[in-house]
Amino acid sequence: MMKTINILYIGGHFEILETVIRLINANENWNGVGVMKDEEAKEVFRNKNFSIVLLGSGIQEESEVELCDFFKKQNPNIVIVQHYGGGSGLLKSEILLALENNKN
């Protein structure tokens, strides 16, 4: 049995966030958590072991820089992926590629 991969999605658009989380959770080995606020993202990240962080649309550039810095300090091995949409096929490909690239 594969272990569950926890994926954090941060985005500024609620409808997109809902869709991305639904698509992530459609894979039985993935557990998606979606947030819209920086502080919420940090809090969730501190309390769960995430393998991937997806940065969606609607995040301010300065927030993105600060969040990436925070995530890397908390977990130097975290994989951070820019995800600006493009459908479920692209999302799945981005996650699979991130997982493949993170194998040591």
PDB file of N, CA and C in Angstrom:
ATOM      1  N   MET A   1       0.835  -1.192   0.000  1.00  0.00           N
ATOM      2  CA  MET A   1       0.000   0.000   0.000  1.00  0.00           C
ATOM      3  C   MET A   1       0.878   1.252   0.000  1.00  0.00           C
ATOM      4  N   MET A   2       0.567   2.198  -0.855  1.00  0.00           N
ATOM      5  CA  MET A   2       1.327   3.446  -0.923  1.00  0.00           C
ATOM      6  C   MET A   2       0.943   4.368   0.223  1.00  0.00           C
ATOM      7  N   LYS A   3       1.924   5.139   0.656  1.00  0.00           N
ATOM      8  CA  LYS A   3       1.583   6.121   1.689  1.00  0.00           C
ATOM      9  C   LYS A   3       0.915   7.319   1.025  1.00  0.00           C
ATOM     10  N   THR A   4       0.081   7.979   1.780  1.00  0.00           N
ATOM     11  CA  THR A   4      -0.630   9.138   1.265  1.00  0.00           C
ATOM     12  C   THR A   4       0.318  10.320   1.116  1.00  0.00           C
ATOM     13  N   ILE A   5       0.218  10.995  -0.010  1.00  0.00           N
ATOM     14  CA  ILE A   5       1.001  12.187  -0.292  1.00  0.00           C
ATOM     15  C   ILE A   5       0.141  13.399   0.063  1.00  0.00           C
ATOM     16  N   ASN A   6       0.591  14.201   1.011  1.00  0.00           N
ATOM     17  CA  ASN A   6      -0.134  15.417   1.388  1.00  0.00           C
ATOM     18  C   ASN A   6       0.322  16.576   0.514  1.00  0.00           C
ATOM     19  N   ILE A   7      -0.663  17.272  -0.058  1.00  0.00           N
ATOM     20  CA  ILE A   7      -0.391  18.367  -0.989  1.00  0.00           C
ATOM     21  C   ILE A   7      -1.132  19.607  -0.509  1.00  0.00           C
ATOM     22  N   LEU A   8      -0.390  20.687  -0.327  1.00  0.00           N
ATOM     23  CA  LEU A   8      -0.975  21.962   0.084  1.00  0.00           C
ATOM     24  C   LEU A   8      -1.126  22.856  -1.135  1.00  0.00           C
ATOM     25  N   TYR A   9      -2.351  23.338  -1.352  1.00  0.00           N
ATOM     26  CA  TYR A   9      -2.604  24.279  -2.445  1.00  0.00           C
ATOM     27  C   TYR A   9      -2.948  25.630  -1.840  1.00  0.00           C
ATOM     28  N   ILE A  10      -2.287  26.672  -2.317  1.00  0.00           N
ATOM     29  CA  ILE A  10      -2.555  28.039  -1.873  1.00  0.00           C
ATOM     30  C   ILE A  10      -2.961  28.842  -3.101  1.00  0.00           C
ATOM     31  N   GLY A  11      -4.119  29.464  -3.022  1.00  0.00           N
ATOM     32  CA  GLY A  11      -4.580  30.253  -4.150  1.00  0.00           C
ATOM     33  C   GLY A  11      -5.524  31.343  -3.708  1.00  0.00           C
ATOM     34  N   GLY A  12      -5.690  32.332  -4.554  1.00  0.00           N
ATOM     35  CA  GLY A  12      -6.507  33.480  -4.214  1.00  0.00           C
ATOM     36  C   GLY A  12      -7.925  33.449  -4.751  1.00  0.00           C
ATOM     37  N   HIS A  13      -8.289  32.383  -5.455  1.00  0.00           N
ATOM     38  CA  HIS A  13      -9.621  32.290  -6.059  1.00  0.00           C
ATOM     39  C   HIS A  13     -10.322  31.042  -5.533  1.00  0.00           C
ATOM     40  N   PHE A  14     -11.407  31.254  -4.794  1.00  0.00           N
ATOM     41  CA  PHE A  14     -12.073  30.152  -4.105  1.00  0.00           C
ATOM     42  C   PHE A  14     -12.552  29.055  -5.057  1.00  0.00           C
ATOM     43  N   GLU A  15     -13.138  29.420  -6.181  1.00  0.00           N
ATOM     44  CA  GLU A  15     -13.669  28.418  -7.112  1.00  0.00           C
ATOM     45  C   GLU A  15     -12.547  27.537  -7.662  1.00  0.00           C
ATOM     46  N   ILE A  16     -11.419  28.154  -7.985  1.00  0.00           N
ATOM     47  CA  ILE A  16     -10.276  27.387  -8.496  1.00  0.00           C
ATOM     48  C   ILE A  16      -9.730  26.491  -7.389  1.00  0.00           C
ATOM     49  N   LEU A  17      -9.615  27.029  -6.189  1.00  0.00           N
ATOM     50  CA  LEU A  17      -9.128  26.257  -5.045  1.00  0.00           C
ATOM     51  C   LEU A  17      -9.992  25.003  -4.856  1.00  0.00           C
ATOM     52  N   GLU A  18     -11.305  25.184  -4.861  1.00  0.00           N
ATOM     53  CA  GLU A  18     -12.221  24.041  -4.708  1.00  0.00           C
ATOM     54  C   GLU A  18     -11.989  22.987  -5.782  1.00  0.00           C
ATOM     55  N   THR A  19     -11.840  23.432  -7.020  1.00  0.00           N
ATOM     56  CA  THR A  19     -11.643  22.512  -8.144  1.00  0.00           C
ATOM     57  C   THR A  19     -10.321  21.767  -8.020  1.00  0.00           C
ATOM     58  N   VAL A  20      -9.255  22.484  -7.711  1.00  0.00           N
ATOM     59  CA  VAL A  20      -7.929  21.859  -7.591  1.00  0.00           C
ATOM     60  C   VAL A  20      -7.944  20.810  -6.477  1.00  0.00           C
ATOM     61  N   ILE A  21      -8.532  21.140  -5.333  1.00  0.00           N
ATOM     62  CA  ILE A  21      -8.576  20.195  -4.215  1.00  0.00           C
ATOM     63  C   ILE A  21      -9.398  18.965  -4.589  1.00  0.00           C
ATOM     64  N   ARG A  22     -10.514  19.170  -5.285  1.00  0.00           N
ATOM     65  CA  ARG A  22     -11.334  18.037  -5.722  1.00  0.00           C
ATOM     66  C   ARG A  22     -10.525  17.129  -6.651  1.00  0.00           C
ATOM     67  N   LEU A  23      -9.779  17.722  -7.584  1.00  0.00           N
ATOM     68  CA  LEU A  23      -8.967  16.938  -8.516  1.00  0.00           C
ATOM     69  C   LEU A  23      -7.848  16.184  -7.789  1.00  0.00           C
ATOM     70  N   ILE A  24      -7.198  16.854  -6.842  1.00  0.00           N
ATOM     71  CA  ILE A  24      -6.142  16.191  -6.069  1.00  0.00           C
ATOM     72  C   ILE A  24      -6.719  15.008  -5.299  1.00  0.00           C
ATOM     73  N   ASN A  25      -7.840  15.237  -4.631  1.00  0.00           N
ATOM     74  CA  ASN A  25      -8.427  14.195  -3.786  1.00  0.00           C
ATOM     75  C   ASN A  25      -9.094  13.084  -4.581  1.00  0.00           C
ATOM     76  N   ALA A  26      -9.206  13.239  -5.891  1.00  0.00           N
ATOM     77  CA  ALA A  26      -9.725  12.172  -6.741  1.00  0.00           C
ATOM     78  C   ALA A  26      -8.711  11.023  -6.840  1.00  0.00           C
ATOM     79  N   ASN A  27      -7.449  11.317  -6.550  1.00  0.00           N
ATOM     80  CA  ASN A  27      -6.412  10.278  -6.529  1.00  0.00           C
ATOM     81  C   ASN A  27      -6.372   9.693  -5.120  1.00  0.00           C
ATOM     82  N   GLU A  28      -6.573   8.399  -5.012  1.00  0.00           N
ATOM     83  CA  GLU A  28      -6.677   7.774  -3.675  1.00  0.00           C
ATOM     84  C   GLU A  28      -5.399   7.868  -2.847  1.00  0.00           C
ATOM     85  N   ASN A  29      -4.266   8.148  -3.483  1.00  0.00           N
ATOM     86  CA  ASN A  29      -2.996   8.248  -2.749  1.00  0.00           C
ATOM     87  C   ASN A  29      -2.623   9.682  -2.397  1.00  0.00           C
ATOM     88  N   TRP A  30      -3.482  10.636  -2.766  1.00  0.00           N
ATOM     89  CA  TRP A  30      -3.186  12.041  -2.514  1.00  0.00           C
ATOM     90  C   TRP A  30      -4.213  12.637  -1.565  1.00  0.00           C
ATOM     91  N   ASN A  31      -3.749  13.542  -0.705  1.00  0.00           N
ATOM     92  CA  ASN A  31      -4.631  14.277   0.194  1.00  0.00           C
ATOM     93  C   ASN A  31      -4.361  15.762   0.011  1.00  0.00           C
ATOM     94  N   GLY A  32      -5.324  16.459  -0.571  1.00  0.00           N
ATOM     95  CA  GLY A  32      -5.166  17.879  -0.825  1.00  0.00           C
ATOM     96  C   GLY A  32      -5.801  18.733   0.255  1.00  0.00           C
ATOM     97  N   VAL A  33      -5.082  19.784   0.624  1.00  0.00           N
ATOM     98  CA  VAL A  33      -5.585  20.783   1.565  1.00  0.00           C
ATOM     99  C   VAL A  33      -5.439  22.129   0.880  1.00  0.00           C
ATOM    100  N   GLY A  34      -6.530  22.903   0.856  1.00  0.00           N
ATOM    101  CA  GLY A  34      -6.496  24.198   0.185  1.00  0.00           C
ATOM    102  C   GLY A  34      -6.726  25.348   1.133  1.00  0.00           C
ATOM    103  N   VAL A  35      -5.940  26.401   0.969  1.00  0.00           N
ATOM    104  CA  VAL A  35      -6.088  27.613   1.786  1.00  0.00           C
ATOM    105  C   VAL A  35      -5.945  28.837   0.884  1.00  0.00           C
ATOM    106  N   MET A  36      -6.456  29.962   1.391  1.00  0.00           N
ATOM    107  CA  MET A  36      -6.391  31.198   0.626  1.00  0.00           C
ATOM    108  C   MET A  36      -5.538  32.270   1.294  1.00  0.00           C
ATOM    109  N   LYS A  37      -5.240  32.116   2.551  1.00  0.00           N
ATOM    110  CA  LYS A  37      -4.525  33.156   3.298  1.00  0.00           C
ATOM    111  C   LYS A  37      -3.132  32.664   3.701  1.00  0.00           C
ATOM    112  N   ASP A  38      -2.158  33.573   3.694  1.00  0.00           N
ATOM    113  CA  ASP A  38      -0.770  33.237   4.013  1.00  0.00           C
ATOM    114  C   ASP A  38      -0.633  32.625   5.407  1.00  0.00           C
ATOM    115  N   GLU A  39      -1.232  33.269   6.398  1.00  0.00           N
ATOM    116  CA  GLU A  39      -1.093  32.788   7.776  1.00  0.00           C
ATOM    117  C   GLU A  39      -1.704  31.401   7.940  1.00  0.00           C
ATOM    118  N   GLU A  40      -2.822  31.172   7.260  1.00  0.00           N
ATOM    119  CA  GLU A  40      -3.459  29.861   7.299  1.00  0.00           C
ATOM    120  C   GLU A  40      -2.546  28.809   6.656  1.00  0.00           C
ATOM    121  N   ALA A  41      -1.909  29.181   5.561  1.00  0.00           N
ATOM    122  CA  ALA A  41      -0.983  28.273   4.878  1.00  0.00           C
ATOM    123  C   ALA A  41       0.159  27.877   5.810  1.00  0.00           C
ATOM    124  N   LYS A  42       0.712  28.859   6.518  1.00  0.00           N
ATOM    125  CA  LYS A  42       1.817  28.578   7.448  1.00  0.00           C
ATOM    126  C   LYS A  42       1.361  27.679   8.584  1.00  0.00           C
ATOM    127  N   GLU A  43       0.189  27.963   9.124  1.00  0.00           N
ATOM    128  CA  GLU A  43      -0.344  27.172  10.236  1.00  0.00           C
ATOM    129  C   GLU A  43      -0.573  25.716   9.821  1.00  0.00           C
ATOM    130  N   VAL A  44      -1.217  25.522   8.692  1.00  0.00           N
ATOM    131  CA  VAL A  44      -1.492  24.172   8.187  1.00  0.00           C
ATOM    132  C   VAL A  44      -0.177  23.442   7.914  1.00  0.00           C
ATOM    133  N   PHE A  45       0.786  24.161   7.325  1.00  0.00           N
ATOM    134  CA  PHE A  45       2.072  23.559   6.978  1.00  0.00           C
ATOM    135  C   PHE A  45       2.825  23.089   8.226  1.00  0.00           C
ATOM    136  N   ARG A  46       2.721  23.865   9.293  1.00  0.00           N
ATOM    137  CA  ARG A  46       3.391  23.489  10.547  1.00  0.00           C
ATOM    138  C   ARG A  46       2.810  22.204  11.136  1.00  0.00           C
ATOM    139  N   ASN A  47       1.527  21.961  10.889  1.00  0.00           N
ATOM    140  CA  ASN A  47       0.810  20.879  11.563  1.00  0.00           C
ATOM    141  C   ASN A  47       0.636  19.613  10.745  1.00  0.00           C
ATOM    142  N   LYS A  48       1.114  19.595   9.522  1.00  0.00           N
ATOM    143  CA  LYS A  48       0.951  18.410   8.680  1.00  0.00           C
ATOM    144  C   LYS A  48       2.217  18.219   7.856  1.00  0.00           C
ATOM    145  N   ASN A  49       2.526  16.989   7.556  1.00  0.00           N
ATOM    146  CA  ASN A  49       3.717  16.680   6.781  1.00  0.00           C
ATOM    147  C   ASN A  49       3.383  16.693   5.287  1.00  0.00           C
ATOM    148  N   PHE A  50       3.631  17.818   4.641  1.00  0.00           N
ATOM    149  CA  PHE A  50       3.339  17.954   3.215  1.00  0.00           C
ATOM    150  C   PHE A  50       4.548  17.556   2.383  1.00  0.00           C
ATOM    151  N   SER A  51       4.273  16.958   1.221  1.00  0.00           N
ATOM    152  CA  SER A  51       5.323  16.615   0.269  1.00  0.00           C
ATOM    153  C   SER A  51       5.463  17.677  -0.808  1.00  0.00           C
ATOM    154  N   ILE A  52       4.321  18.326  -1.121  1.00  0.00           N
ATOM    155  CA  ILE A  52       4.287  19.298  -2.214  1.00  0.00           C
ATOM    156  C   ILE A  52       3.457  20.510  -1.794  1.00  0.00           C
ATOM    157  N   VAL A  53       3.911  21.686  -2.199  1.00  0.00           N
ATOM    158  CA  VAL A  53       3.109  22.903  -2.085  1.00  0.00           C
ATOM    159  C   VAL A  53       2.857  23.396  -3.503  1.00  0.00           C
ATOM    160  N   LEU A  54       1.589  23.603  -3.831  1.00  0.00           N
ATOM    161  CA  LEU A  54       1.206  24.177  -5.118  1.00  0.00           C
ATOM    162  C   LEU A  54       0.830  25.635  -4.894  1.00  0.00           C
ATOM    163  N   LEU A  55       1.483  26.519  -5.622  1.00  0.00           N
ATOM    164  CA  LEU A  55       1.161  27.936  -5.549  1.00  0.00           C
ATOM    165  C   LEU A  55       0.275  28.284  -6.735  1.00  0.00           C
ATOM    166  N   GLY A  56      -0.955  28.640  -6.445  1.00  0.00           N
ATOM    167  CA  GLY A  56      -1.918  28.937  -7.502  1.00  0.00           C
ATOM    168  C   GLY A  56      -1.974  30.402  -7.840  1.00  0.00           C
ATOM    169  N   SER A  57      -2.921  30.739  -8.678  1.00  0.00           N
ATOM    170  CA  SER A  57      -3.082  32.131  -9.088  1.00  0.00           C
ATOM    171  C   SER A  57      -3.713  32.945  -7.965  1.00  0.00           C
ATOM    172  N   GLY A  58      -3.483  34.242  -8.013  1.00  0.00           N
ATOM    173  CA  GLY A  58      -4.082  35.133  -7.036  1.00  0.00           C
ATOM    174  C   GLY A  58      -3.239  35.389  -5.803  1.00  0.00           C
ATOM    175  N   ILE A  59      -1.994  34.912  -5.817  1.00  0.00           N
ATOM    176  CA  ILE A  59      -1.087  35.169  -4.690  1.00  0.00           C
ATOM    177  C   ILE A  59      -0.193  36.345  -5.062  1.00  0.00           C
ATOM    178  N   GLN A  60      -0.092  37.302  -4.172  1.00  0.00           N
ATOM    179  CA  GLN A  60       0.783  38.447  -4.422  1.00  0.00           C
ATOM    180  C   GLN A  60       2.246  37.981  -4.469  1.00  0.00           C
ATOM    181  N   GLU A  61       3.042  38.628  -5.307  1.00  0.00           N
ATOM    182  CA  GLU A  61       4.436  38.220  -5.492  1.00  0.00           C
ATOM    183  C   GLU A  61       5.218  38.236  -4.181  1.00  0.00           C
ATOM    184  N   GLU A  62       5.036  39.283  -3.375  1.00  0.00           N
ATOM    185  CA  GLU A  62       5.777  39.351  -2.112  1.00  0.00           C
ATOM    186  C   GLU A  62       5.338  38.242  -1.149  1.00  0.00           C
ATOM    187  N   SER A  63       4.055  37.887  -1.191  1.00  0.00           N
ATOM    188  CA  SER A  63       3.558  36.778  -0.368  1.00  0.00           C
ATOM    189  C   SER A  63       4.189  35.466  -0.811  1.00  0.00           C
ATOM    190  N   GLU A  64       4.270  35.291  -2.119  1.00  0.00           N
ATOM    191  CA  GLU A  64       4.841  34.070  -2.674  1.00  0.00           C
ATOM    192  C   GLU A  64       6.293  33.888  -2.216  1.00  0.00           C
ATOM    193  N   VAL A  65       7.075  34.963  -2.290  1.00  0.00           N
ATOM    194  CA  VAL A  65       8.476  34.914  -1.864  1.00  0.00           C
ATOM    195  C   VAL A  65       8.563  34.560  -0.378  1.00  0.00           C
ATOM    196  N   GLU A  66       7.760  35.237   0.431  1.00  0.00           N
ATOM    197  CA  GLU A  66       7.769  34.993   1.872  1.00  0.00           C
ATOM    198  C   GLU A  66       7.332  33.563   2.208  1.00  0.00           C
ATOM    199  N   LEU A  67       6.284  33.082   1.533  1.00  0.00           N
ATOM    200  CA  LEU A  67       5.797  31.723   1.780  1.00  0.00           C
ATOM    201  C   LEU A  67       6.847  30.683   1.393  1.00  0.00           C
ATOM    202  N   CYS A  68       7.462  30.851   0.232  1.00  0.00           N
ATOM    203  CA  CYS A  68       8.494  29.895  -0.209  1.00  0.00           C
ATOM    204  C   CYS A  68       9.634  29.844   0.797  1.00  0.00           C
ATOM    205  N   ASP A  69      10.049  31.004   1.268  1.00  0.00           N
ATOM    206  CA  ASP A  69      11.115  31.090   2.263  1.00  0.00           C
ATOM    207  C   ASP A  69      10.705  30.349   3.540  1.00  0.00           C
ATOM    208  N   PHE A  70       9.488  30.592   3.997  1.00  0.00           N
ATOM    209  CA  PHE A  70       8.972  29.936   5.197  1.00  0.00           C
ATOM    210  C   PHE A  70       8.937  28.414   5.030  1.00  0.00           C
ATOM    211  N   PHE A  71       8.383  27.942   3.915  1.00  0.00           N
ATOM    212  CA  PHE A  71       8.269  26.497   3.684  1.00  0.00           C
ATOM    213  C   PHE A  71       9.642  25.833   3.643  1.00  0.00           C
ATOM    214  N   LYS A  72      10.587  26.473   2.964  1.00  0.00           N
ATOM    215  CA  LYS A  72      11.942  25.905   2.848  1.00  0.00           C
ATOM    216  C   LYS A  72      12.662  25.869   4.200  1.00  0.00           C
ATOM    217  N   LYS A  73      12.408  26.864   5.049  1.00  0.00           N
ATOM    218  CA  LYS A  73      13.016  26.852   6.381  1.00  0.00           C
ATOM    219  C   LYS A  73      12.421  25.742   7.243  1.00  0.00           C
ATOM    220  N   GLN A  74      11.119  25.526   7.107  1.00  0.00           N
ATOM    221  CA  GLN A  74      10.434  24.481   7.876  1.00  0.00           C
ATOM    222  C   GLN A  74      10.833  23.084   7.381  1.00  0.00           C
ATOM    223  N   ASN A  75      10.941  22.951   6.043  1.00  0.00           N
ATOM    224  CA  ASN A  75      11.247  21.663   5.426  1.00  0.00           C
ATOM    225  C   ASN A  75      12.084  21.905   4.172  1.00  0.00           C
ATOM    226  N   PRO A  76      13.413  21.779   4.296  1.00  0.00           N
ATOM    227  CA  PRO A  76      14.294  22.046   3.142  1.00  0.00           C
ATOM    228  C   PRO A  76      14.026  21.147   1.935  1.00  0.00           C
ATOM    229  N   ASN A  77      13.345  20.011   2.141  1.00  0.00           N
ATOM    230  CA  ASN A  77      13.078  19.083   1.040  1.00  0.00           C
ATOM    231  C   ASN A  77      11.727  19.299   0.374  1.00  0.00           C
ATOM    232  N   ILE A  78      10.976  20.294   0.830  1.00  0.00           N
ATOM    233  CA  ILE A  78       9.643  20.512   0.267  1.00  0.00           C
ATOM    234  C   ILE A  78       9.744  20.854  -1.216  1.00  0.00           C
ATOM    235  N   VAL A  79       8.800  20.330  -1.994  1.00  0.00           N
ATOM    236  CA  VAL A  79       8.731  20.641  -3.417  1.00  0.00           C
ATOM    237  C   VAL A  79       7.665  21.712  -3.596  1.00  0.00           C
ATOM    238  N   ILE A  80       8.046  22.825  -4.204  1.00  0.00           N
ATOM    239  CA  ILE A  80       7.118  23.931  -4.440  1.00  0.00           C
ATOM    240  C   ILE A  80       6.924  24.070  -5.945  1.00  0.00           C
ATOM    241  N   VAL A  81       5.647  24.033  -6.363  1.00  0.00           N
ATOM    242  CA  VAL A  81       5.313  24.056  -7.781  1.00  0.00           C
ATOM    243  C   VAL A  81       4.370  25.228  -8.053  1.00  0.00           C
ATOM    244  N   GLN A  82       4.667  25.983  -9.097  1.00  0.00           N
ATOM    245  CA  GLN A  82       3.746  27.021  -9.553  1.00  0.00           C
ATOM    246  C   GLN A  82       2.640  26.324 -10.337  1.00  0.00           C
ATOM    247  N   HIS A  83       1.392  26.545  -9.950  1.00  0.00           N
ATOM    248  CA  HIS A  83       0.284  25.945 -10.700  1.00  0.00           C
ATOM    249  C   HIS A  83      -0.735  27.025 -11.028  1.00  0.00           C
ATOM    250  N   TYR A  84      -0.815  27.363 -12.284  1.00  0.00           N
ATOM    251  CA  TYR A  84      -1.732  28.432 -12.701  1.00  0.00           C
ATOM    252  C   TYR A  84      -2.911  27.902 -13.497  1.00  0.00           C
ATOM    253  N   GLY A  85      -3.203  26.640 -13.372  1.00  0.00           N
ATOM    254  CA  GLY A  85      -4.367  26.090 -14.069  1.00  0.00           C
ATOM    255  C   GLY A  85      -3.960  25.339 -15.315  1.00  0.00           C
ATOM    256  N   GLY A  86      -4.945  25.030 -16.123  1.00  0.00           N
ATOM    257  CA  GLY A  86      -4.652  24.299 -17.349  1.00  0.00           C
ATOM    258  C   GLY A  86      -5.322  22.941 -17.375  1.00  0.00           C
ATOM    259  N   GLY A  87      -6.158  22.666 -16.398  1.00  0.00           N
ATOM    260  CA  GLY A  87      -6.924  21.424 -16.425  1.00  0.00           C
ATOM    261  C   GLY A  87      -6.322  20.319 -15.583  1.00  0.00           C
ATOM    262  N   SER A  88      -7.107  19.285 -15.432  1.00  0.00           N
ATOM    263  CA  SER A  88      -6.734  18.191 -14.531  1.00  0.00           C
ATOM    264  C   SER A  88      -5.525  17.412 -15.024  1.00  0.00           C
ATOM    265  N   GLY A  89      -5.359  17.292 -16.328  1.00  0.00           N
ATOM    266  CA  GLY A  89      -4.211  16.565 -16.865  1.00  0.00           C
ATOM    267  C   GLY A  89      -2.902  17.244 -16.511  1.00  0.00           C
ATOM    268  N   LEU A  90      -2.870  18.568 -16.640  1.00  0.00           N
ATOM    269  CA  LEU A  90      -1.669  19.328 -16.307  1.00  0.00           C
ATOM    270  C   LEU A  90      -1.382  19.242 -14.809  1.00  0.00           C
ATOM    271  N   LEU A  91      -2.414  19.374 -13.993  1.00  0.00           N
ATOM    272  CA  LEU A  91      -2.251  19.289 -12.540  1.00  0.00           C
ATOM    273  C   LEU A  91      -1.638  17.950 -12.147  1.00  0.00           C
ATOM    274  N   LYS A  92      -2.196  16.882 -12.672  1.00  0.00           N
ATOM    275  CA  LYS A  92      -1.680  15.540 -12.354  1.00  0.00           C
ATOM    276  C   LYS A  92      -0.230  15.402 -12.824  1.00  0.00           C
ATOM    277  N   SER A  93       0.070  15.892 -14.014  1.00  0.00           N
ATOM    278  CA  SER A  93       1.440  15.822 -14.542  1.00  0.00           C
ATOM    279  C   SER A  93       2.409  16.598 -13.658  1.00  0.00           C
ATOM    280  N   GLU A  94       1.995  17.791 -13.230  1.00  0.00           N
ATOM    281  CA  GLU A  94       2.864  18.611 -12.368  1.00  0.00           C
ATOM    282  C   GLU A  94       3.160  17.887 -11.055  1.00  0.00           C
ATOM    283  N   ILE A  95       2.144  17.276 -10.478  1.00  0.00           N
ATOM    284  CA  ILE A  95       2.329  16.575  -9.200  1.00  0.00           C
ATOM    285  C   ILE A  95       3.209  15.350  -9.390  1.00  0.00           C
ATOM    286  N   LEU A  96       2.939  14.568 -10.415  1.00  0.00           N
ATOM    287  CA  LEU A  96       3.747  13.366 -10.663  1.00  0.00           C
ATOM    288  C   LEU A  96       5.203  13.729 -10.956  1.00  0.00           C
ATOM    289  N   LEU A  97       5.423  14.786 -11.723  1.00  0.00           N
ATOM    290  CA  LEU A  97       6.786  15.235 -12.028  1.00  0.00           C
ATOM    291  C   LEU A  97       7.490  15.703 -10.756  1.00  0.00           C
ATOM    292  N   ALA A  98       6.774  16.450  -9.926  1.00  0.00           N
ATOM    293  CA  ALA A  98       7.347  16.931  -8.659  1.00  0.00           C
ATOM    294  C   ALA A  98       7.740  15.756  -7.770  1.00  0.00           C
ATOM    295  N   LEU A  99       6.895  14.748  -7.699  1.00  0.00           N
ATOM    296  CA  LEU A  99       7.186  13.562  -6.887  1.00  0.00           C
ATOM    297  C   LEU A  99       8.388  12.805  -7.445  1.00  0.00           C
ATOM    298  N   GLU A 100       8.432  12.666  -8.760  1.00  0.00           N
ATOM    299  CA  GLU A 100       9.543  11.966  -9.406  1.00  0.00           C
ATOM    300  C   GLU A 100      10.870  12.693  -9.175  1.00  0.00           C
ATOM    301  N   ASN A 101      10.840  14.016  -9.308  1.00  0.00           N
ATOM    302  CA  ASN A 101      12.047  14.817  -9.127  1.00  0.00           C
ATOM    303  C   ASN A 101      12.510  14.856  -7.683  1.00  0.00           C
ATOM    304  N   ASN A 102      11.623  14.552  -6.760  1.00  0.00           N
ATOM    305  CA  ASN A 102      11.960  14.622  -5.341  1.00  0.00           C
ATOM    306  C   ASN A 102      12.507  13.301  -4.809  1.00  0.00           C
ATOM    307  N   LYS A 103      12.462  12.245  -5.620  1.00  0.00           N
ATOM    308  CA  LYS A 103      13.043  10.972  -5.179  1.00  0.00           C
ATOM    309  C   LYS A 103      14.548  11.117  -5.081  1.00  0.00           C
ATOM    310  N   ASN A 104      15.082  10.638  -3.974  1.00  0.00           N
ATOM    311  CA  ASN A 104      16.535  10.783  -3.795  1.00  0.00           C
ATOM    312  C   ASN A 104      17.276   9.582  -4.317  1.00  0.00           C
TER     313      ASN A 104
END
